[in-house]
Protein backbone atom coordinates (compact mmCIF):
# COMPACT_ATOMS: atom_id res chain seq x y z
CA MET A 1 6.47 25.89 10.21
CA THR A 2 7.20 29.59 10.45
CA GLN A 3 10.49 31.06 9.35
CA ILE A 4 11.98 34.55 9.45
CA ASN A 5 14.53 35.32 6.74
CA VAL A 6 16.88 38.19 5.94
CA LYS A 7 17.36 39.03 2.27
CA PHE A 8 20.71 40.44 1.16
CA LYS A 9 20.72 42.36 -2.13
CA THR A 10 23.54 41.70 -4.58
CA PRO A 11 26.16 44.46 -4.49
CA ASN A 12 26.94 46.16 -7.81
CA PRO A 13 30.57 44.92 -8.09
CA PHE A 14 29.38 41.24 -8.04
CA PRO A 15 26.56 40.91 -10.61
CA GLN A 16 27.13 37.16 -11.08
CA ILE A 17 25.99 36.50 -7.47
CA GLY A 18 22.21 36.55 -7.01
CA ASP A 19 20.27 37.88 -4.04
CA THR A 20 20.85 35.80 -0.91
CA VAL A 21 18.22 34.78 1.64
CA LEU A 22 19.50 33.80 5.06
CA PRO A 23 17.18 32.11 7.58
CA VAL A 24 17.44 33.77 10.98
CA LEU A 25 14.69 32.17 13.05
CA TRP A 26 12.33 29.27 12.45
CA PHE A 27 9.91 27.30 14.60
CA GLU A 28 7.07 24.83 14.15
CA GLU A 29 3.50 25.40 15.15
CA GLY A 30 0.96 22.68 15.77
CA LEU A 31 -0.24 19.97 18.07
CA ASP A 32 1.98 17.38 19.64
CA GLU A 33 -0.79 14.80 19.62
CA LEU A 34 -4.17 14.40 17.91
CA GLY A 35 -7.32 13.77 19.91
CA ASP A 36 -9.18 10.47 19.78
CA SER A 37 -12.16 11.88 17.88
CA ILE A 38 -9.92 13.33 15.17
CA VAL A 39 -8.03 10.04 14.88
CA GLU A 40 -11.34 8.19 14.42
CA VAL A 41 -12.47 10.61 11.70
CA ILE A 42 -9.15 10.30 9.85
CA ASP A 43 -9.27 6.50 10.18
CA ALA A 44 -12.80 6.43 8.75
CA ALA A 45 -11.74 8.70 5.88
CA ILE A 46 -8.82 6.43 5.03
CA ASN A 47 -10.38 3.00 5.51
CA GLY A 48 -14.00 3.77 4.57
CA PRO A 49 -13.86 4.34 0.79
CA PRO A 50 -12.15 1.02 -0.10
CA LYS A 51 -14.69 -0.86 2.02
CA TYR A 52 -17.63 0.94 0.36
CA LYS A 53 -16.04 0.43 -3.03
CA SER A 54 -16.03 -3.33 -2.51
CA TYR A 55 -19.69 -3.23 -1.37
CA VAL A 56 -20.70 -1.28 -4.48
CA LEU A 57 -18.74 -3.69 -6.68
CA CYS A 58 -20.55 -6.71 -5.16
CA VAL A 59 -23.96 -5.08 -5.59
CA LEU A 60 -23.28 -4.13 -9.21
CA LEU A 61 -21.96 -7.61 -10.03
CA GLY A 62 -25.07 -9.13 -8.45
CA LEU A 63 -27.31 -6.85 -10.51
CA ALA A 64 -25.42 -7.71 -13.68
CA VAL A 65 -25.70 -11.45 -13.07
CA ALA A 66 -29.39 -11.16 -12.19
CA THR A 67 -30.04 -9.14 -15.35
CA LEU A 68 -28.22 -11.68 -17.51
CA VAL A 69 -30.12 -14.60 -15.97
CA ILE A 70 -33.49 -12.87 -16.42
CA ARG A 71 -32.69 -11.99 -20.04
CA TYR A 72 -31.51 -15.55 -20.71
CA LEU A 73 -34.69 -17.02 -19.23
CA PHE A 74 -36.88 -14.55 -21.13
CA PHE A 75 -35.24 -15.34 -24.47
CA LEU A 76 -35.28 -19.05 -23.69
CA ASN A 77 -39.03 -18.84 -23.09
CA LEU A 78 -39.52 -16.69 -26.19
CA ASN A 79 -37.59 -19.19 -28.33
CA SER A 80 -39.60 -22.05 -26.86
CA ASN A 81 -42.89 -20.28 -27.69
CA ARG A 82 -41.62 -19.43 -31.18
CA ASN A 83 -40.70 -23.08 -31.83
CA LEU A 84 -44.13 -24.22 -30.61
CA PHE A 85 -45.78 -21.60 -32.81
CA LEU A 86 -43.78 -22.70 -35.85
CA ARG A 87 -44.77 -26.32 -35.22
CA GLY A 88 -48.43 -25.29 -35.02
CA LYS A 89 -48.85 -26.25 -31.36
CA LEU A 90 -49.24 -22.67 -30.14
CA THR A 91 -51.51 -20.07 -31.61
CA GLY A 92 -51.77 -16.42 -30.76
CA TRP A 93 -49.67 -13.32 -30.73
CA LEU A 94 -45.94 -13.61 -30.07
CA VAL A 95 -44.22 -10.65 -28.47
């Protein structure tokens, strides 16, 4: 939007009144309608990030669960070997 204003300075006899700005002419610039390609780009910019955010969340949750399962199985196996070693049924180096 473009606007042309006229500024009136405060006369000396009226110091309590500030400078006044009076709009004389104003008009809007721009397009009446957006093209299809621009609408698609804006739609992708609005709807894309939440969709990708949910994908990233699912991948990270999957990695977290897989890591927990692998650690659980590793420590379960380590405990099993340690119990066998303590009972004398397994000899060798325990990691």
